[in-house]
Amino acid sequence: MTTPWFFHPSHQLQVFAADQPFNQFQIRAATPADLTNVAEIITESFHSPNGIWGWAFPLLRLGIYEDLRHRLASSAPHHVCLVAVDTTATTDNLVGTVELGVRFGDSWTAVGKSFPYLSNLAVHPKYRRLGAASELLKACEKVALLWGFKDLYLHVLENNHQARQLYFKAGYQVHQVESYWNTFFLGRSRQIFLHKYLPHSETI
């Protein structure tokens, strides 16, 4: 059985769905109709709707939605928002998301060098530890290779042990540990800049 490919109409980009033909999660490019669900998943993953700042949750969700809408409508040649869909559900049940774009080097890498950067990896709480995040990471690697890159970068907070474990298992390595003034004076966690070399594969 041939694993399906998905076409991204805005950027003429094909995205490979999954490594296994019977995988529970199908990866495709996000559409405008997905934005509400994508914004909800991202907001729930990075902000709590409870506690003292719970009142701000709807505002954060709206801000994330508008940012996503702007990026999705952009004509940037190297940007894609991917979503994971549960193929066992009776409806198009969106369970996770990730964005991939291209940034230009500063203190992280050589100045002026462009590199693919992964961000906003988020999975619905009910679907965590089931493989959706791993499939989204694999899809990003395939897209980066299609764009002609051999490396992939991302940030993770030092105290986010679950995310660090996911990335290390996927083959990412520490490129740089970043510390800023608020790390010391406000007690915030440091950011770790991770890198993965992407060897070319004939299966892409």
C-alpha atoms as a PDB file:
ATOM      1  CA  MET A   1       0.000   0.000   0.000  1.00  0.00           C
ATOM      2  CA  THR A   2       1.330   3.445  -0.917  1.00  0.00           C
ATOM      3  CA  THR A   3       1.395   6.052   1.829  1.00  0.00           C
ATOM      4  CA  PRO A   4      -0.526   9.185   0.703  1.00  0.00           C
ATOM      5  CA  TRP A   5       0.936  12.603   0.053  1.00  0.00           C
ATOM      6  CA  PHE A   6      -0.803  15.875   0.726  1.00  0.00           C
ATOM      7  CA  PHE A   7      -0.655  19.028  -1.371  1.00  0.00           C
ATOM      8  CA  HIS A   8      -0.194  22.471   0.106  1.00  0.00           C
ATOM      9  CA  PRO A   9      -2.012  24.784  -2.361  1.00  0.00           C
ATOM     10  CA  SER A  10      -0.416  28.044  -1.154  1.00  0.00           C
ATOM     11  CA  HIS A  11       3.236  27.062  -1.453  1.00  0.00           C
ATOM     12  CA  GLN A  12       3.161  24.224  -3.999  1.00  0.00           C
ATOM     13  CA  LEU A  13       4.419  21.850  -1.342  1.00  0.00           C
ATOM     14  CA  GLN A  14       3.735  18.158  -0.895  1.00  0.00           C
ATOM     15  CA  VAL A  15       3.800  16.826   2.651  1.00  0.00           C
ATOM     16  CA  PHE A  16       4.362  13.171   3.429  1.00  0.00           C
ATOM     17  CA  ALA A  17       1.633  11.824   5.697  1.00  0.00           C
ATOM     18  CA  ALA A  18       3.193   9.113   7.864  1.00  0.00           C
ATOM     19  CA  ASP A  19       5.852   6.433   7.862  1.00  0.00           C
ATOM     20  CA  GLN A  20       3.377   3.625   8.488  1.00  0.00           C
ATOM     21  CA  PRO A  21       0.392   3.069   6.133  1.00  0.00           C
ATOM     22  CA  PHE A  22      -1.933   2.219   9.019  1.00  0.00           C
ATOM     23  CA  ASN A  23      -0.728   4.919  11.384  1.00  0.00           C
ATOM     24  CA  GLN A  24      -3.449   6.414  13.585  1.00  0.00           C
ATOM     25  CA  PHE A  25      -2.370   9.951  12.728  1.00  0.00           C
ATOM     26  CA  GLN A  26      -2.430  11.532   9.300  1.00  0.00           C
ATOM     27  CA  ILE A  27      -0.328  14.660   8.759  1.00  0.00           C
ATOM     28  CA  ARG A  28      -1.478  17.375   6.380  1.00  0.00           C
ATOM     29  CA  ALA A  29      -1.089  21.104   5.829  1.00  0.00           C
ATOM     30  CA  ALA A  30      -3.438  23.277   7.863  1.00  0.00           C
ATOM     31  CA  THR A  31      -6.258  25.140   6.159  1.00  0.00           C
ATOM     32  CA  PRO A  32      -8.106  28.300   7.288  1.00  0.00           C
ATOM     33  CA  ALA A  33     -10.897  26.049   8.561  1.00  0.00           C
ATOM     34  CA  ASP A  34      -8.421  24.472  11.026  1.00  0.00           C
ATOM     35  CA  LEU A  35      -7.324  27.707  12.660  1.00  0.00           C
ATOM     36  CA  THR A  36      -9.809  27.747  15.547  1.00  0.00           C
ATOM     37  CA  ASN A  37      -8.847  24.225  16.623  1.00  0.00           C
ATOM     38  CA  VAL A  38      -5.134  24.869  16.094  1.00  0.00           C
ATOM     39  CA  ALA A  39      -5.268  28.026  18.222  1.00  0.00           C
ATOM     40  CA  GLU A  40      -7.117  26.141  20.963  1.00  0.00           C
ATOM     41  CA  ILE A  41      -4.554  23.324  21.055  1.00  0.00           C
ATOM     42  CA  ILE A  42      -1.585  25.724  21.136  1.00  0.00           C
ATOM     43  CA  THR A  43      -3.141  27.884  23.841  1.00  0.00           C
ATOM     44  CA  GLU A  44      -3.972  24.876  26.028  1.00  0.00           C
ATOM     45  CA  SER A  45      -0.447  23.527  25.616  1.00  0.00           C
ATOM     46  CA  PHE A  46       1.393  26.696  26.634  1.00  0.00           C
ATOM     47  CA  HIS A  47      -1.084  28.496  28.902  1.00  0.00           C
ATOM     48  CA  SER A  48      -3.386  27.309  31.661  1.00  0.00           C
ATOM     49  CA  PRO A  49      -7.091  28.263  31.539  1.00  0.00           C
ATOM     50  CA  ASN A  50      -7.168  27.988  35.337  1.00  0.00           C
ATOM     51  CA  GLY A  51      -5.545  29.923  38.148  1.00  0.00           C
ATOM     52  CA  ILE A  52      -4.959  33.627  38.617  1.00  0.00           C
ATOM     53  CA  TRP A  53      -4.338  34.248  34.910  1.00  0.00           C
ATOM     54  CA  GLY A  54      -7.281  32.172  33.715  1.00  0.00           C
ATOM     55  CA  TRP A  55      -9.189  35.307  32.754  1.00  0.00           C
ATOM     56  CA  ALA A  56      -6.563  36.040  30.073  1.00  0.00           C
ATOM     57  CA  PHE A  57      -6.926  32.656  28.361  1.00  0.00           C
ATOM     58  CA  PRO A  58      -9.511  33.823  25.757  1.00  0.00           C
ATOM     59  CA  LEU A  59      -7.344  36.840  24.914  1.00  0.00           C
ATOM     60  CA  LEU A  60      -4.256  34.662  24.476  1.00  0.00           C
ATOM     61  CA  ARG A  61      -6.226  32.276  22.269  1.00  0.00           C
ATOM     62  CA  LEU A  62      -7.475  35.155  20.125  1.00  0.00           C
ATOM     63  CA  GLY A  63      -3.961  36.531  19.754  1.00  0.00           C
ATOM     64  CA  ILE A  64      -2.612  33.135  18.722  1.00  0.00           C
ATOM     65  CA  TYR A  65      -5.484  32.725  16.244  1.00  0.00           C
ATOM     66  CA  GLU A  66      -4.761  36.100  14.611  1.00  0.00           C
ATOM     67  CA  ASP A  67      -1.023  35.373  14.406  1.00  0.00           C
ATOM     68  CA  LEU A  68      -1.731  32.016  12.772  1.00  0.00           C
ATOM     69  CA  ARG A  69      -4.212  33.553  10.337  1.00  0.00           C
ATOM     70  CA  HIS A  70      -1.647  36.153   9.315  1.00  0.00           C
ATOM     71  CA  ARG A  71       1.108  33.584   8.785  1.00  0.00           C
ATOM     72  CA  LEU A  72      -1.154  31.221   6.879  1.00  0.00           C
ATOM     73  CA  ALA A  73      -2.188  34.036   4.548  1.00  0.00           C
ATOM     74  CA  SER A  74       1.428  35.074   4.036  1.00  0.00           C
ATOM     75  CA  SER A  75       3.162  34.406   0.740  1.00  0.00           C
ATOM     76  CA  ALA A  76       6.377  33.353   2.485  1.00  0.00           C
ATOM     77  CA  PRO A  77       7.916  30.562   0.378  1.00  0.00           C
ATOM     78  CA  HIS A  78       9.244  28.638   3.365  1.00  0.00           C
ATOM     79  CA  HIS A  79       6.498  28.407   5.944  1.00  0.00           C
ATOM     80  CA  VAL A  80       4.002  25.654   6.658  1.00  0.00           C
ATOM     81  CA  CYS A  81       1.644  24.819   9.491  1.00  0.00           C
ATOM     82  CA  LEU A  82       1.028  21.090   9.772  1.00  0.00           C
ATOM     83  CA  VAL A  83      -1.759  19.340  11.646  1.00  0.00           C
ATOM     84  CA  ALA A  84      -2.191  15.773  12.857  1.00  0.00           C
ATOM     85  CA  VAL A  85      -5.603  14.204  12.341  1.00  0.00           C
ATOM     86  CA  ASP A  86      -6.914  11.093  14.081  1.00  0.00           C
ATOM     87  CA  THR A  87      -7.777   8.676  11.266  1.00  0.00           C
ATOM     88  CA  THR A  88      -9.766   6.424  13.605  1.00  0.00           C
ATOM     89  CA  ALA A  89     -12.283   9.166  14.426  1.00  0.00           C
ATOM     90  CA  THR A  90     -15.579   9.467  12.550  1.00  0.00           C
ATOM     91  CA  THR A  91     -14.907  13.162  11.856  1.00  0.00           C
ATOM     92  CA  ASP A  92     -11.824  15.148  10.854  1.00  0.00           C
ATOM     93  CA  ASN A  93     -10.529  15.207  14.436  1.00  0.00           C
ATOM     94  CA  LEU A  94      -7.523  17.521  14.682  1.00  0.00           C
ATOM     95  CA  VAL A  95      -5.246  16.456  17.546  1.00  0.00           C
ATOM     96  CA  GLY A  96      -1.917  18.261  17.093  1.00  0.00           C
ATOM     97  CA  THR A  97      -0.010  20.918  15.205  1.00  0.00           C
ATOM     98  CA  VAL A  98       3.454  22.292  14.442  1.00  0.00           C
ATOM     99  CA  GLU A  99       4.897  25.149  12.385  1.00  0.00           C
ATOM    100  CA  LEU A 100       8.013  25.138  10.263  1.00  0.00           C
ATOM    101  CA  GLY A 101       9.673  28.226   8.829  1.00  0.00           C
ATOM    102  CA  VAL A 102      13.068  29.609   7.907  1.00  0.00           C
ATOM    103  CA  ARG A 103      15.037  32.020  10.077  1.00  0.00           C
ATOM    104  CA  PHE A 104      18.293  33.865   9.540  1.00  0.00           C
ATOM    105  CA  GLY A 105      21.295  33.367  11.776  1.00  0.00           C
ATOM    106  CA  ASP A 106      22.295  35.655  14.605  1.00  0.00           C
ATOM    107  CA  SER A 107      23.942  34.546  17.837  1.00  0.00           C
ATOM    108  CA  TRP A 108      22.553  31.017  17.367  1.00  0.00           C
ATOM    109  CA  THR A 109      24.354  30.244  14.116  1.00  0.00           C
ATOM    110  CA  ALA A 110      26.585  31.951  11.585  1.00  0.00           C
ATOM    111  CA  VAL A 111      25.333  35.457  10.786  1.00  0.00           C
ATOM    112  CA  GLY A 112      23.419  35.564   7.503  1.00  0.00           C
ATOM    113  CA  LYS A 113      22.897  31.813   7.309  1.00  0.00           C
ATOM    114  CA  SER A 114      19.310  30.691   6.873  1.00  0.00           C
ATOM    115  CA  PHE A 115      18.028  27.599   8.628  1.00  0.00           C
ATOM    116  CA  PRO A 116      14.668  25.814   9.130  1.00  0.00           C
ATOM    117  CA  TYR A 117      13.149  26.437  12.537  1.00  0.00           C
ATOM    118  CA  LEU A 118      10.412  24.364  14.179  1.00  0.00           C
ATOM    119  CA  SER A 119       7.935  25.993  16.576  1.00  0.00           C
ATOM    120  CA  ASN A 120       4.528  25.648  18.257  1.00  0.00           C
ATOM    121  CA  LEU A 121       4.589  21.874  18.486  1.00  0.00           C
ATOM    122  CA  ALA A 122       1.439  21.090  20.473  1.00  0.00           C
ATOM    123  CA  VAL A 123      -0.812  18.060  20.981  1.00  0.00           C
ATOM    124  CA  HIS A 124      -4.278  17.878  22.532  1.00  0.00           C
ATOM    125  CA  PRO A 125      -4.023  16.547  26.123  1.00  0.00           C
ATOM    126  CA  LYS A 126      -6.146  13.481  25.292  1.00  0.00           C
ATOM    127  CA  TYR A 127      -3.725  12.437  22.542  1.00  0.00           C
ATOM    128  CA  ARG A 128      -0.368  12.926  24.208  1.00  0.00           C
ATOM    129  CA  ARG A 129       2.108  10.013  24.377  1.00  0.00           C
ATOM    130  CA  LEU A 130       0.337   8.278  21.481  1.00  0.00           C
ATOM    131  CA  GLY A 131       2.801   9.222  18.734  1.00  0.00           C
ATOM    132  CA  ALA A 132       1.197  12.329  17.217  1.00  0.00           C
ATOM    133  CA  ALA A 133       4.109  14.602  18.179  1.00  0.00           C
ATOM    134  CA  SER A 134       6.636  12.152  16.719  1.00  0.00           C
ATOM    135  CA  GLU A 135       4.740  12.014  13.419  1.00  0.00           C
ATOM    136  CA  LEU A 136       4.628  15.815  13.257  1.00  0.00           C
ATOM    137  CA  LEU A 137       8.396  15.962  13.842  1.00  0.00           C
ATOM    138  CA  LYS A 138       9.020  13.416  11.098  1.00  0.00           C
ATOM    139  CA  ALA A 139       6.865  15.408   8.682  1.00  0.00           C
ATOM    140  CA  CYS A 140       8.848  18.578   9.461  1.00  0.00           C
ATOM    141  CA  GLU A 141      12.083  16.761   8.676  1.00  0.00           C
ATOM    142  CA  LYS A 142      10.726  15.694   5.293  1.00  0.00           C
ATOM    143  CA  VAL A 143       9.572  19.231   4.503  1.00  0.00           C
ATOM    144  CA  ALA A 144      12.961  20.697   5.486  1.00  0.00           C
ATOM    145  CA  LEU A 145      14.677  18.236   3.158  1.00  0.00           C
ATOM    146  CA  LEU A 146      12.261  19.112   0.357  1.00  0.00           C
ATOM    147  CA  TRP A 147      13.215  22.752   0.880  1.00  0.00           C
ATOM    148  CA  GLY A 148      16.870  21.800   0.398  1.00  0.00           C
ATOM    149  CA  PHE A 149      18.081  21.968   4.018  1.00  0.00           C
ATOM    150  CA  LYS A 150      20.079  19.360   5.903  1.00  0.00           C
ATOM    151  CA  ASP A 151      19.544  20.697   9.420  1.00  0.00           C
ATOM    152  CA  LEU A 152      16.589  21.492  11.666  1.00  0.00           C
ATOM    153  CA  TYR A 153      16.529  23.673  14.792  1.00  0.00           C
ATOM    154  CA  LEU A 154      14.143  24.407  17.649  1.00  0.00           C
ATOM    155  CA  HIS A 155      13.983  25.805  21.187  1.00  0.00           C
ATOM    156  CA  VAL A 156      12.838  24.005  24.318  1.00  0.00           C
ATOM    157  CA  LEU A 157      12.676  25.227  27.908  1.00  0.00           C
ATOM    158  CA  GLU A 158      15.197  23.578  30.198  1.00  0.00           C
ATOM    159  CA  ASN A 159      12.494  22.653  32.728  1.00  0.00           C
ATOM    160  CA  ASN A 160      10.208  21.082  30.104  1.00  0.00           C
ATOM    161  CA  HIS A 161      11.503  17.572  30.712  1.00  0.00           C
ATOM    162  CA  GLN A 162       8.784  15.802  28.731  1.00  0.00           C
ATOM    163  CA  ALA A 163       9.462  17.848  25.602  1.00  0.00           C
ATOM    164  CA  ARG A 164      13.221  17.453  26.001  1.00  0.00           C
ATOM    165  CA  GLN A 165      12.815  13.697  26.213  1.00  0.00           C
ATOM    166  CA  LEU A 166      10.721  13.718  23.021  1.00  0.00           C
ATOM    167  CA  TYR A 167      13.303  15.736  21.098  1.00  0.00           C
ATOM    168  CA  PHE A 168      16.309  13.781  22.342  1.00  0.00           C
ATOM    169  CA  LYS A 169      14.559  10.532  21.411  1.00  0.00           C
ATOM    170  CA  ALA A 170      13.940  11.972  17.936  1.00  0.00           C
ATOM    171  CA  GLY A 171      17.667  12.599  17.512  1.00  0.00           C
ATOM    172  CA  TYR A 172      18.044  16.267  18.463  1.00  0.00           C
ATOM    173  CA  GLN A 173      21.164  17.411  20.283  1.00  0.00           C
ATOM    174  CA  VAL A 174      21.988  20.489  22.338  1.00  0.00           C
ATOM    175  CA  HIS A 175      23.409  23.234  20.139  1.00  0.00           C
ATOM    176  CA  GLN A 176      23.466  26.026  22.723  1.00  0.00           C
ATOM    177  CA  VAL A 177      22.077  26.797  26.182  1.00  0.00           C
ATOM    178  CA  GLU A 178      20.822  30.372  26.267  1.00  0.00           C
ATOM    179  CA  SER A 179      20.659  32.540  29.384  1.00  0.00           C
ATOM    180  CA  TYR A 180      19.266  36.056  29.672  1.00  0.00           C
ATOM    181  CA  TRP A 181      18.906  38.552  32.528  1.00  0.00           C
ATOM    182  CA  ASN A 182      15.379  37.365  33.391  1.00  0.00           C
ATOM    183  CA  THR A 183      16.722  33.825  33.785  1.00  0.00           C
ATOM    184  CA  PHE A 184      18.603  34.928  36.881  1.00  0.00           C
ATOM    185  CA  PHE A 185      16.518  37.793  38.262  1.00  0.00           C
ATOM    186  CA  LEU A 186      13.037  36.340  37.612  1.00  0.00           C
ATOM    187  CA  GLY A 187      13.919  32.689  38.120  1.00  0.00           C
ATOM    188  CA  ARG A 188      12.760  31.681  34.651  1.00  0.00           C
ATOM    189  CA  SER A 189      13.908  28.532  32.930  1.00  0.00           C
ATOM    190  CA  ARG A 190      16.701  28.762  30.388  1.00  0.00           C
ATOM    191  CA  GLN A 191      16.065  28.031  26.732  1.00  0.00           C
ATOM    192  CA  ILE A 192      17.959  25.221  25.040  1.00  0.00           C
ATOM    193  CA  PHE A 193      18.608  25.546  21.314  1.00  0.00           C
ATOM    194  CA  LEU A 194      18.472  22.072  19.750  1.00  0.00           C
ATOM    195  CA  HIS A 195      19.766  20.880  16.398  1.00  0.00           C
ATOM    196  CA  LYS A 196      19.293  17.785  14.290  1.00  0.00           C
ATOM    197  CA  TYR A 197      21.245  16.854  11.189  1.00  0.00           C
ATOM    198  CA  LEU A 198      18.958  15.443   8.526  1.00  0.00           C
ATOM    199  CA  PRO A 199      20.657  12.779   6.412  1.00  0.00           C
ATOM    200  CA  HIS A 200      19.130  12.441   2.969  1.00  0.00           C
ATOM    201  CA  SER A 201      16.811   9.472   2.493  1.00  0.00           C
ATOM    202  CA  GLU A 202      15.614   7.908  -0.727  1.00  0.00           C
ATOM    203  CA  THR A 203      12.172   7.397   0.840  1.00  0.00           C
ATOM    204  CA  ILE A 204      11.384  11.121   0.872  1.00  0.00           C
END
